[in-house]
Each structure stands twice: as structure tokens, then as C-alpha cells.
C-alpha atoms as a PDB file:
ATOM      1  CA  UNK A   1      10.006  11.513  -4.830  1.00  0.00           C
ATOM      2  CA  UNK A   2      11.887  12.286  -1.629  1.00  0.00           C
ATOM      3  CA  UNK A   3       8.681  12.684   0.376  1.00  0.00           C
ATOM      4  CA  UNK A   4       7.238   9.469  -1.056  1.00  0.00           C
ATOM      5  CA  UNK A   5      10.381   7.594  -0.051  1.00  0.00           C
ATOM      6  CA  UNK A   6      10.233   9.125   3.425  1.00  0.00           C
ATOM      7  CA  UNK A   7       6.600   8.089   3.847  1.00  0.00           C
ATOM      8  CA  UNK A   8       7.274   4.585   2.572  1.00  0.00           C
ATOM      9  CA  UNK A   9      10.082   4.377   5.140  1.00  0.00           C
ATOM     10  CA  UNK A  10       7.690   5.387   7.921  1.00  0.00           C
ATOM     11  CA  UNK A  11       5.201   2.721   6.816  1.00  0.00           C
ATOM     12  CA  UNK A  12       8.004   0.148   6.442  1.00  0.00           C
ATOM     13  CA  UNK A  13       9.147   0.773  10.020  1.00  0.00           C
ATOM     14  CA  UNK A  14       5.590   0.648  11.338  1.00  0.00           C
ATOM     15  CA  UNK A  15       4.948  -2.714   9.649  1.00  0.00           C
ATOM     16  CA  UNK A  16       7.993  -4.437  11.145  1.00  0.00           C
ATOM     17  CA  UNK A  17       6.573  -7.326  13.145  1.00  0.00           C
ATOM     18  CA  UNK A  18       2.989  -6.453  12.169  1.00  0.00           C
ATOM     19  CA  UNK A  19       0.544  -7.479   9.494  1.00  0.00           C
ATOM     20  CA  UNK A  20      -1.448  -4.253   9.610  1.00  0.00           C
ATOM     21  CA  UNK A  21      -0.617  -0.636  10.392  1.00  0.00           C
ATOM     22  CA  UNK A  22      -2.368  -0.117  13.714  1.00  0.00           C
ATOM     23  CA  UNK A  23      -3.623  -3.346  15.159  1.00  0.00           C
ATOM     24  CA  UNK A  24      -3.692  -7.028  14.448  1.00  0.00           C
ATOM     25  CA  UNK A  25      -6.716  -6.325  12.271  1.00  0.00           C
ATOM     26  CA  UNK A  26      -7.107  -4.566   8.945  1.00  0.00           C
ATOM     27  CA  UNK A  27      -8.451  -1.113   9.674  1.00  0.00           C
ATOM     28  CA  UNK A  28      -9.027   2.444   8.567  1.00  0.00           C
ATOM     29  CA  UNK A  29      -5.300   3.266   8.514  1.00  0.00           C
ATOM     30  CA  UNK A  30      -4.714   0.448   6.037  1.00  0.00           C
ATOM     31  CA  UNK A  31      -7.732   1.480   3.966  1.00  0.00           C
ATOM     32  CA  UNK A  32      -6.522   5.070   3.837  1.00  0.00           C
ATOM     33  CA  UNK A  33      -3.069   4.169   2.507  1.00  0.00           C
ATOM     34  CA  UNK A  34      -3.622   1.215   0.211  1.00  0.00           C
ATOM     35  CA  UNK A  35      -4.856   3.374  -2.679  1.00  0.00           C
ATOM     36  CA  UNK A  36      -1.903   5.750  -2.455  1.00  0.00           C
ATOM     37  CA  UNK A  37       0.689   2.956  -2.333  1.00  0.00           C
ATOM     38  CA  UNK A  38      -0.972   1.009  -5.140  1.00  0.00           C
ATOM     39  CA  UNK A  39      -1.271   4.056  -7.383  1.00  0.00           C
ATOM     40  CA  UNK A  40       2.282   5.114  -6.631  1.00  0.00           C
ATOM     41  CA  UNK A  41       3.628   1.961  -8.236  1.00  0.00           C
ATOM     42  CA  UNK A  42       0.917   1.335 -10.852  1.00  0.00           C
ATOM     43  CA  UNK A  43      -0.789   4.516 -12.065  1.00  0.00           C
ATOM     44  CA  UNK A  44       2.249   6.757 -11.544  1.00  0.00           C
ATOM     45  CA  UNK A  45       4.685   3.966 -12.489  1.00  0.00           C
ATOM     46  CA  UNK A  46       7.099   5.140  -9.804  1.00  0.00           C
ATOM     47  CA  UNK A  47       8.195   1.728  -8.504  1.00  0.00           C
ATOM     48  CA  UNK A  48      11.824   2.231  -9.516  1.00  0.00           C
ATOM     49  CA  UNK A  49      11.819   5.968  -8.850  1.00  0.00           C
ATOM     50  CA  UNK A  50      10.924   5.448  -5.169  1.00  0.00           C
ATOM     51  CA  UNK A  51      12.906   2.193  -4.821  1.00  0.00           C
ATOM     52  CA  UNK A  52       9.718   0.355  -3.845  1.00  0.00           C
ATOM     53  CA  UNK A  53      11.407  -3.043  -3.778  1.00  0.00           C
ATOM     54  CA  UNK A  54      13.545  -1.762  -0.898  1.00  0.00           C
ATOM     55  CA  UNK A  55      10.448  -1.773   1.335  1.00  0.00           C
ATOM     56  CA  UNK A  56       9.655  -5.481   1.740  1.00  0.00           C
ATOM     57  CA  UNK A  57       7.194  -4.991   4.617  1.00  0.00           C
ATOM     58  CA  UNK A  58       5.240  -2.444   2.584  1.00  0.00           C
ATOM     59  CA  UNK A  59       5.228  -4.749  -0.449  1.00  0.00           C
ATOM     60  CA  UNK A  60       3.917  -7.681   1.610  1.00  0.00           C
ATOM     61  CA  UNK A  61       1.317  -5.440   3.279  1.00  0.00           C
ATOM     62  CA  UNK A  62       0.153  -4.192  -0.131  1.00  0.00           C
ATOM     63  CA  UNK A  63      -0.301  -7.769  -1.322  1.00  0.00           C
ATOM     64  CA  UNK A  64      -2.325  -8.586   1.812  1.00  0.00           C
ATOM     65  CA  UNK A  65      -4.480  -5.514   1.266  1.00  0.00           C
ATOM     66  CA  UNK A  66      -5.061  -6.231  -2.407  1.00  0.00           C
ATOM     67  CA  UNK A  67      -6.045  -9.828  -1.609  1.00  0.00           C
ATOM     68  CA  UNK A  68      -8.918  -8.703   0.624  1.00  0.00           C
ATOM     69  CA  UNK A  69     -12.355  -9.409  -0.895  1.00  0.00           C
ATOM     70  CA  UNK A  70     -13.620  -5.871  -0.258  1.00  0.00           C
ATOM     71  CA  UNK A  71     -10.597  -4.338  -1.950  1.00  0.00           C
ATOM     72  CA  UNK A  72     -11.036  -6.713  -4.888  1.00  0.00           C
ATOM     73  CA  UNK A  73     -14.682  -5.648  -5.217  1.00  0.00           C
ATOM     74  CA  UNK A  74     -13.684  -2.002  -5.099  1.00  0.00           C
ATOM     75  CA  UNK A  75     -11.047  -2.461  -7.779  1.00  0.00           C
ATOM     76  CA  UNK A  76     -13.580  -4.253 -10.014  1.00  0.00           C
ATOM     77  CA  UNK A  77     -16.026  -1.337 -10.152  1.00  0.00           C
ATOM     78  CA  UNK A  78     -16.243  -0.331 -13.799  1.00  0.00           C
ATOM     79  CA  UNK A  79     -15.332   3.190 -14.844  1.00  0.00           C
ATOM     80  CA  UNK A  80     -18.151   5.593 -15.575  1.00  0.00           C
ATOM     81  CA  UNK A  81     -18.818   6.217 -19.267  1.00  0.00           C
END
């Protein structure tokens, strides 16, 4: 929990004044983190545990990531039987 909060703080600071982690364009850094952040608050249900709502830049970034067509396609892949 402590390490997750620390990492969310690093991402929060990085996103201040930016839409994406590295550049003005969505890139590999965003792709590499979106799954972890999404699963942290959905699959692991740790939203309250890590005080996710205290990271508004991360929350807005996650919404931008999840709205991307490629991410939507990836999330729609059915599970294997």
C-alpha cells in the first residue's frame, strides 16, 4: 500500500501541467502504466486503501487513457475459455 501510494504520488507530480507522462502525446510510458493503475482500483479494489481520489491528475489521466479507442479495443477482448 505504501509503495503504491508513493508511485501514485510520483505519477501525480509528473502529470501536473501535462496530459501524458512523457510528451504531449500518448506514448509507451502511458501504455505501460494504465493497466497497473486501472487494476489497482478495479481488480484489487484498492481505491480507498491507496487514497486514489487524492490524486486528481492521475484520475484524469486514467480517464483519458481509458477513452482511447485502442485501449477500449484491448479491454473488449473476450476472456479465453
